[in-house]
Amino acid sequence: SAALIYTMGTFINDSPTLLSQGTSLAVHI
């Protein structure tokens, strides 16, 4: 989670793409 917060952001994206922001399950929590 920690590394992804800084690299992918914390925006919960309903239509994520490879070059857009998104959250993994852990970051979603």
PDB file of all heavy atoms in Angstrom:
ATOM      1  N   SER A   1       0.819  -1.214   0.000  1.00  0.00           N
ATOM      2  CA  SER A   1       0.000   0.000   0.000  1.00  0.00           C
ATOM      3  C   SER A   1       0.851   1.262   0.000  1.00  0.00           C
ATOM      4  O   SER A   1       0.627   2.159  -0.811  1.00  0.00           O
ATOM      5  CB  SER A   1      -0.947   0.004   1.203  1.00  0.00           C
ATOM      6  OG  SER A   1      -0.215  -0.120   2.407  1.00  0.00           O
ATOM      7  N   ALA A   2       1.851   1.322   0.894  1.00  0.00           N
ATOM      8  CA  ALA A   2       2.618   2.565   1.060  1.00  0.00           C
ATOM      9  C   ALA A   2       3.274   3.000  -0.246  1.00  0.00           C
ATOM     10  O   ALA A   2       3.157   4.161  -0.665  1.00  0.00           O
ATOM     11  CB  ALA A   2       3.663   2.380   2.155  1.00  0.00           C
ATOM     12  N   ALA A   3       3.957   2.072  -0.905  1.00  0.00           N
ATOM     13  CA  ALA A   3       4.642   2.439  -2.145  1.00  0.00           C
ATOM     14  C   ALA A   3       3.652   2.830  -3.236  1.00  0.00           C
ATOM     15  O   ALA A   3       3.908   3.748  -4.018  1.00  0.00           O
ATOM     16  CB  ALA A   3       5.503   1.276  -2.617  1.00  0.00           C
ATOM     17  N   LEU A   4       2.511   2.159  -3.279  1.00  0.00           N
ATOM     18  CA  LEU A   4       1.534   2.427  -4.332  1.00  0.00           C
ATOM     19  C   LEU A   4       0.816   3.746  -4.115  1.00  0.00           C
ATOM     20  O   LEU A   4       0.339   4.366  -5.077  1.00  0.00           O
ATOM     21  CB  LEU A   4       0.520   1.279  -4.399  1.00  0.00           C
ATOM     22  CG  LEU A   4       1.100  -0.093  -4.726  1.00  0.00           C
ATOM     23  CD1 LEU A   4       0.004  -1.132  -4.781  1.00  0.00           C
ATOM     24  CD2 LEU A   4       1.843  -0.050  -6.049  1.00  0.00           C
ATOM     25  N   ILE A   5       0.705   4.182  -2.861  1.00  0.00           N
ATOM     26  CA  ILE A   5       0.067   5.476  -2.583  1.00  0.00           C
ATOM     27  C   ILE A   5       0.829   6.592  -3.278  1.00  0.00           C
ATOM     28  O   ILE A   5       0.241   7.536  -3.802  1.00  0.00           O
ATOM     29  CB  ILE A   5      -0.010   5.722  -1.064  1.00  0.00           C
ATOM     30  CG1 ILE A   5      -1.060   4.795  -0.441  1.00  0.00           C
ATOM     31  CG2 ILE A   5      -0.359   7.178  -0.755  1.00  0.00           C
ATOM     32  CD1 ILE A   5      -1.088   4.830   1.064  1.00  0.00           C
ATOM     33  N   TYR A   6       2.163   6.476  -3.293  1.00  0.00           N
ATOM     34  CA  TYR A   6       2.991   7.513  -3.902  1.00  0.00           C
ATOM     35  C   TYR A   6       3.162   7.321  -5.404  1.00  0.00           C
ATOM     36  O   TYR A   6       3.480   8.271  -6.111  1.00  0.00           O
ATOM     37  CB  TYR A   6       4.358   7.537  -3.235  1.00  0.00           C
ATOM     38  CG  TYR A   6       4.301   7.977  -1.792  1.00  0.00           C
ATOM     39  CD1 TYR A   6       4.419   7.058  -0.765  1.00  0.00           C
ATOM     40  CD2 TYR A   6       4.129   9.308  -1.457  1.00  0.00           C
ATOM     41  CE1 TYR A   6       4.357   7.457   0.565  1.00  0.00           C
ATOM     42  CE2 TYR A   6       4.065   9.715  -0.141  1.00  0.00           C
ATOM     43  CZ  TYR A   6       4.179   8.793   0.864  1.00  0.00           C
ATOM     44  OH  TYR A   6       4.110   9.191   2.172  1.00  0.00           O
ATOM     45  N   THR A   7       2.970   6.105  -5.881  1.00  0.00           N
ATOM     46  CA  THR A   7       3.223   5.852  -7.295  1.00  0.00           C
ATOM     47  C   THR A   7       1.952   5.757  -8.127  1.00  0.00           C
ATOM     48  O   THR A   7       1.978   6.061  -9.317  1.00  0.00           O
ATOM     49  CB  THR A   7       4.021   4.545  -7.470  1.00  0.00           C
ATOM     50  OG1 THR A   7       3.308   3.463  -6.845  1.00  0.00           O
ATOM     51  CG2 THR A   7       5.398   4.670  -6.829  1.00  0.00           C
ATOM     52  N   MET A   8       0.836   5.336  -7.579  1.00  0.00           N
ATOM     53  CA  MET A   8      -0.411   5.217  -8.323  1.00  0.00           C
ATOM     54  C   MET A   8      -1.469   6.214  -7.869  1.00  0.00           C
ATOM     55  O   MET A   8      -2.470   6.398  -8.552  1.00  0.00           O
ATOM     56  CB  MET A   8      -1.004   3.804  -8.187  1.00  0.00           C
ATOM     57  CG  MET A   8      -0.171   2.714  -8.823  1.00  0.00           C
ATOM     58  SD  MET A   8      -1.113   1.206  -9.158  1.00  0.00           S
ATOM     59  CE  MET A   8      -2.015   0.973  -7.631  1.00  0.00           C
ATOM     60  N   GLY A   9      -1.266   6.855  -6.737  1.00  0.00           N
ATOM     61  CA  GLY A   9      -2.268   7.764  -6.208  1.00  0.00           C
ATOM     62  C   GLY A   9      -3.312   7.028  -5.396  1.00  0.00           C
ATOM     63  O   GLY A   9      -3.284   5.800  -5.264  1.00  0.00           O
ATOM     64  N   THR A  10      -4.263   7.774  -4.870  1.00  0.00           N
ATOM     65  CA  THR A  10      -5.315   7.189  -4.033  1.00  0.00           C
ATOM     66  C   THR A  10      -6.708   7.407  -4.613  1.00  0.00           C
ATOM     67  O   THR A  10      -7.700   7.175  -3.933  1.00  0.00           O
ATOM     68  CB  THR A  10      -5.253   7.781  -2.614  1.00  0.00           C
ATOM     69  OG1 THR A  10      -5.404   9.212  -2.695  1.00  0.00           O
ATOM     70  CG2 THR A  10      -3.929   7.457  -1.939  1.00  0.00           C
ATOM     71  N   PHE A  11      -6.757   7.855  -5.852  1.00  0.00           N
ATOM     72  CA  PHE A  11      -8.054   8.071  -6.502  1.00  0.00           C
ATOM     73  C   PHE A  11      -8.649   6.726  -6.919  1.00  0.00           C
ATOM     74  O   PHE A  11      -8.037   5.954  -7.646  1.00  0.00           O
ATOM     75  CB  PHE A  11      -7.882   8.971  -7.719  1.00  0.00           C
ATOM     76  CG  PHE A  11      -9.130   9.110  -8.549  1.00  0.00           C
ATOM     77  CD1 PHE A  11     -10.231   9.806  -8.054  1.00  0.00           C
ATOM     78  CD2 PHE A  11      -9.218   8.541  -9.804  1.00  0.00           C
ATOM     79  CE1 PHE A  11     -11.380   9.937  -8.809  1.00  0.00           C
ATOM     80  CE2 PHE A  11     -10.354   8.665 -10.571  1.00  0.00           C
ATOM     81  CZ  PHE A  11     -11.441   9.359 -10.071  1.00  0.00           C
ATOM     82  N   ILE A  12      -9.860   6.445  -6.445  1.00  0.00           N
ATOM     83  CA  ILE A  12     -10.538   5.193  -6.782  1.00  0.00           C
ATOM     84  C   ILE A  12     -11.157   5.341  -8.167  1.00  0.00           C
ATOM     85  O   ILE A  12     -12.184   5.997  -8.332  1.00  0.00           O
ATOM     86  CB  ILE A  12     -11.610   4.843  -5.735  1.00  0.00           C
ATOM     87  CG1 ILE A  12     -10.959   4.722  -4.358  1.00  0.00           C
ATOM     88  CG2 ILE A  12     -12.317   3.547  -6.095  1.00  0.00           C
ATOM     89  CD1 ILE A  12     -11.942   4.514  -3.233  1.00  0.00           C
ATOM     90  N   ASN A  13     -10.519   4.748  -9.143  1.00  0.00           N
ATOM     91  CA  ASN A  13     -10.899   4.896 -10.546  1.00  0.00           C
ATOM     92  C   ASN A  13     -11.749   3.706 -10.972  1.00  0.00           C
ATOM     93  O   ASN A  13     -11.319   2.562 -10.882  1.00  0.00           O
ATOM     94  CB  ASN A  13      -9.650   5.000 -11.415  1.00  0.00           C
ATOM     95  CG  ASN A  13      -9.969   5.455 -12.827  1.00  0.00           C
ATOM     96  OD1 ASN A  13     -11.118   5.497 -13.233  1.00  0.00           O
ATOM     97  ND2 ASN A  13      -8.928   5.804 -13.558  1.00  0.00           N
ATOM     98  N   ASP A  14     -12.971   3.976 -11.449  1.00  0.00           N
ATOM     99  CA  ASP A  14     -13.862   2.908 -11.896  1.00  0.00           C
ATOM    100  C   ASP A  14     -13.493   2.382 -13.274  1.00  0.00           C
ATOM    101  O   ASP A  14     -13.913   1.280 -13.653  1.00  0.00           O
ATOM    102  CB  ASP A  14     -15.316   3.395 -11.915  1.00  0.00           C
ATOM    103  CG  ASP A  14     -15.868   3.610 -10.516  1.00  0.00           C
ATOM    104  OD1 ASP A  14     -15.464   2.858  -9.601  1.00  0.00           O
ATOM    105  OD2 ASP A  14     -16.686   4.528 -10.333  1.00  0.00           O
ATOM    106  N   SER A  15     -12.748   3.161 -14.049  1.00  0.00           N
ATOM    107  CA  SER A  15     -12.338   2.731 -15.393  1.00  0.00           C
ATOM    108  C   SER A  15     -10.837   2.944 -15.556  1.00  0.00           C
ATOM    109  O   SER A  15     -10.386   3.793 -16.336  1.00  0.00           O
ATOM    110  CB  SER A  15     -13.112   3.521 -16.464  1.00  0.00           C
ATOM    111  OG  SER A  15     -14.506   3.367 -16.306  1.00  0.00           O
ATOM    112  N   PRO A  16     -10.037   2.190 -14.818  1.00  0.00           N
ATOM    113  CA  PRO A  16      -8.591   2.411 -14.866  1.00  0.00           C
ATOM    114  C   PRO A  16      -7.972   1.907 -16.160  1.00  0.00           C
ATOM    115  O   PRO A  16      -8.433   0.934 -16.749  1.00  0.00           O
ATOM    116  CB  PRO A  16      -8.082   1.606 -13.665  1.00  0.00           C
ATOM    117  CG  PRO A  16      -9.088   0.518 -13.496  1.00  0.00           C
ATOM    118  CD  PRO A  16     -10.401   1.111 -13.892  1.00  0.00           C
ATOM    119  N   THR A  17      -6.950   2.603 -16.589  1.00  0.00           N
ATOM    120  CA  THR A  17      -6.134   2.167 -17.711  1.00  0.00           C
ATOM    121  C   THR A  17      -4.685   2.126 -17.253  1.00  0.00           C
ATOM    122  O   THR A  17      -4.358   2.551 -16.142  1.00  0.00           O
ATOM    123  CB  THR A  17      -6.272   3.113 -18.912  1.00  0.00           C
ATOM    124  OG1 THR A  17      -5.789   4.420 -18.540  1.00  0.00           O
ATOM    125  CG2 THR A  17      -7.723   3.228 -19.354  1.00  0.00           C
ATOM    126  N   LEU A  18      -3.824   1.625 -18.139  1.00  0.00           N
ATOM    127  CA  LEU A  18      -2.426   1.454 -17.747  1.00  0.00           C
ATOM    128  C   LEU A  18      -1.767   2.777 -17.393  1.00  0.00           C
ATOM    129  O   LEU A  18      -0.876   2.823 -16.551  1.00  0.00           O
ATOM    130  CB  LEU A  18      -1.655   0.770 -18.887  1.00  0.00           C
ATOM    131  CG  LEU A  18      -0.246   0.271 -18.546  1.00  0.00           C
ATOM    132  CD1 LEU A  18      -0.311  -0.777 -17.449  1.00  0.00           C
ATOM    133  CD2 LEU A  18       0.426  -0.283 -19.783  1.00  0.00           C
ATOM    134  N   LEU A  19      -2.213   3.854 -17.995  1.00  0.00           N
ATOM    135  CA  LEU A  19      -1.588   5.160 -17.781  1.00  0.00           C
ATOM    136  C   LEU A  19      -2.428   6.094 -16.924  1.00  0.00           C
ATOM    137  O   LEU A  19      -2.153   7.286 -16.863  1.00  0.00           O
ATOM    138  CB  LEU A  19      -1.305   5.823 -19.138  1.00  0.00           C
ATOM    139  CG  LEU A  19      -0.346   5.068 -20.058  1.00  0.00           C
ATOM    140  CD1 LEU A  19      -0.152   5.821 -21.365  1.00  0.00           C
ATOM    141  CD2 LEU A  19       1.005   4.860 -19.375  1.00  0.00           C
ATOM    142  N   SER A  20      -3.445   5.574 -16.275  1.00  0.00           N
ATOM    143  CA  SER A  20      -4.293   6.403 -15.416  1.00  0.00           C
ATOM    144  C   SER A  20      -4.095   6.021 -13.956  1.00  0.00           C
ATOM    145  O   SER A  20      -3.472   5.008 -13.644  1.00  0.00           O
ATOM    146  CB  SER A  20      -5.764   6.235 -15.798  1.00  0.00           C
ATOM    147  OG  SER A  20      -6.210   4.927 -15.475  1.00  0.00           O
ATOM    148  N   GLN A  21      -4.624   6.857 -13.074  1.00  0.00           N
ATOM    149  CA  GLN A  21      -4.563   6.549 -11.656  1.00  0.00           C
ATOM    150  C   GLN A  21      -5.520   5.416 -11.309  1.00  0.00           C
ATOM    151  O   GLN A  21      -6.475   5.144 -12.032  1.00  0.00           O
ATOM    152  CB  GLN A  21      -4.916   7.782 -10.819  1.00  0.00           C
ATOM    153  CG  GLN A  21      -3.834   8.845 -10.784  1.00  0.00           C
ATOM    154  CD  GLN A  21      -4.139   9.917  -9.767  1.00  0.00           C
ATOM    155  OE1 GLN A  21      -5.284  10.158  -9.416  1.00  0.00           O
ATOM    156  NE2 GLN A  21      -3.103  10.567  -9.267  1.00  0.00           N
ATOM    157  N   GLY A  22      -5.232   4.748 -10.215  1.00  0.00           N
ATOM    158  CA  GLY A  22      -6.093   3.669  -9.753  1.00  0.00           C
ATOM    159  C   GLY A  22      -5.640   3.198  -8.387  1.00  0.00           C
ATOM    160  O   GLY A  22      -4.564   3.573  -7.908  1.00  0.00           O
ATOM    161  N   THR A  23      -6.448   2.387  -7.753  1.00  0.00           N
ATOM    162  CA  THR A  23      -6.112   1.873  -6.429  1.00  0.00           C
ATOM    163  C   THR A  23      -6.180   0.355  -6.427  1.00  0.00           C
ATOM    164  O   THR A  23      -7.120  -0.232  -6.950  1.00  0.00           O
ATOM    165  CB  THR A  23      -7.081   2.421  -5.364  1.00  0.00           C
ATOM    166  OG1 THR A  23      -8.418   2.152  -5.768  1.00  0.00           O
ATOM    167  CG2 THR A  23      -6.905   3.908  -5.154  1.00  0.00           C
ATOM    168  N   SER A  24      -5.159  -0.261  -5.831  1.00  0.00           N
ATOM    169  CA  SER A  24      -5.219  -1.698  -5.609  1.00  0.00           C
ATOM    170  C   SER A  24      -6.197  -1.976  -4.468  1.00  0.00           C
ATOM    171  O   SER A  24      -6.708  -1.054  -3.822  1.00  0.00           O
ATOM    172  CB  SER A  24      -3.828  -2.238  -5.255  1.00  0.00           C
ATOM    173  OG  SER A  24      -3.405  -1.695  -4.017  1.00  0.00           O
ATOM    174  N   LEU A  25      -6.454  -3.244  -4.187  1.00  0.00           N
ATOM    175  CA  LEU A  25      -7.379  -3.581  -3.106  1.00  0.00           C
ATOM    176  C   LEU A  25      -6.882  -3.036  -1.764  1.00  0.00           C
ATOM    177  O   LEU A  25      -7.654  -2.501  -0.969  1.00  0.00           O
ATOM    178  CB  LEU A  25      -7.565  -5.096  -3.031  1.00  0.00           C
ATOM    179  CG  LEU A  25      -8.318  -5.743  -4.210  1.00  0.00           C
ATOM    180  CD1 LEU A  25      -8.316  -7.248  -4.060  1.00  0.00           C
ATOM    181  CD2 LEU A  25      -9.739  -5.211  -4.292  1.00  0.00           C
ATOM    182  N   ALA A  26      -5.590  -3.186  -1.528  1.00  0.00           N
ATOM    183  CA  ALA A  26      -5.040  -2.721  -0.251  1.00  0.00           C
ATOM    184  C   ALA A  26      -5.125  -1.203  -0.127  1.00  0.00           C
ATOM    185  O   ALA A  26      -5.484  -0.663   0.923  1.00  0.00           O
ATOM    186  CB  ALA A  26      -3.592  -3.185  -0.105  1.00  0.00           C
ATOM    187  N   VAL A  27      -4.795  -0.483  -1.213  1.00  0.00           N
ATOM    188  CA  VAL A  27      -4.880   0.978  -1.180  1.00  0.00           C
ATOM    189  C   VAL A  27      -6.335   1.433  -1.097  1.00  0.00           C
ATOM    190  O   VAL A  27      -6.648   2.459  -0.489  1.00  0.00           O
ATOM    191  CB  VAL A  27      -4.192   1.581  -2.418  1.00  0.00           C
ATOM    192  CG1 VAL A  27      -4.310   3.097  -2.424  1.00  0.00           C
ATOM    193  CG2 VAL A  27      -2.727   1.180  -2.456  1.00  0.00           C
ATOM    194  N   HIS A  28      -7.232   0.659  -1.672  1.00  0.00           N
ATOM    195  CA  HIS A  28      -8.664   0.965  -1.550  1.00  0.00           C
ATOM    196  C   HIS A  28      -9.082   0.924  -0.076  1.00  0.00           C
ATOM    197  O   HIS A  28      -9.826   1.786   0.396  1.00  0.00           O
ATOM    198  CB  HIS A  28      -9.475  -0.045  -2.373  1.00  0.00           C
ATOM    199  CG  HIS A  28     -10.877   0.393  -2.627  1.00  0.00           C
ATOM    200  ND1 HIS A  28     -11.510   0.205  -3.830  1.00  0.00           N
ATOM    201  CD2 HIS A  28     -11.795   1.014  -1.837  1.00  0.00           C
ATOM    202  CE1 HIS A  28     -12.731   0.680  -3.769  1.00  0.00           C
ATOM    203  NE2 HIS A  28     -12.931   1.183  -2.558  1.00  0.00           N
ATOM    204  N   ILE A  29      -8.589  -0.094   0.635  1.00  0.00           N
ATOM    205  CA  ILE A  29      -8.880  -0.173   2.074  1.00  0.00           C
ATOM    206  C   ILE A  29      -8.365   1.069   2.787  1.00  0.00           C
ATOM    207  O   ILE A  29      -9.055   1.686   3.604  1.00  0.00           O
ATOM    208  CB  ILE A  29      -8.260  -1.444   2.675  1.00  0.00           C
ATOM    209  CG1 ILE A  29      -8.961  -2.693   2.118  1.00  0.00           C
ATOM    210  CG2 ILE A  29      -8.354  -1.437   4.199  1.00  0.00           C
ATOM    211  CD1 ILE A  29      -8.334  -3.984   2.572  1.00  0.00           C
TER     212      ILE A  29
END
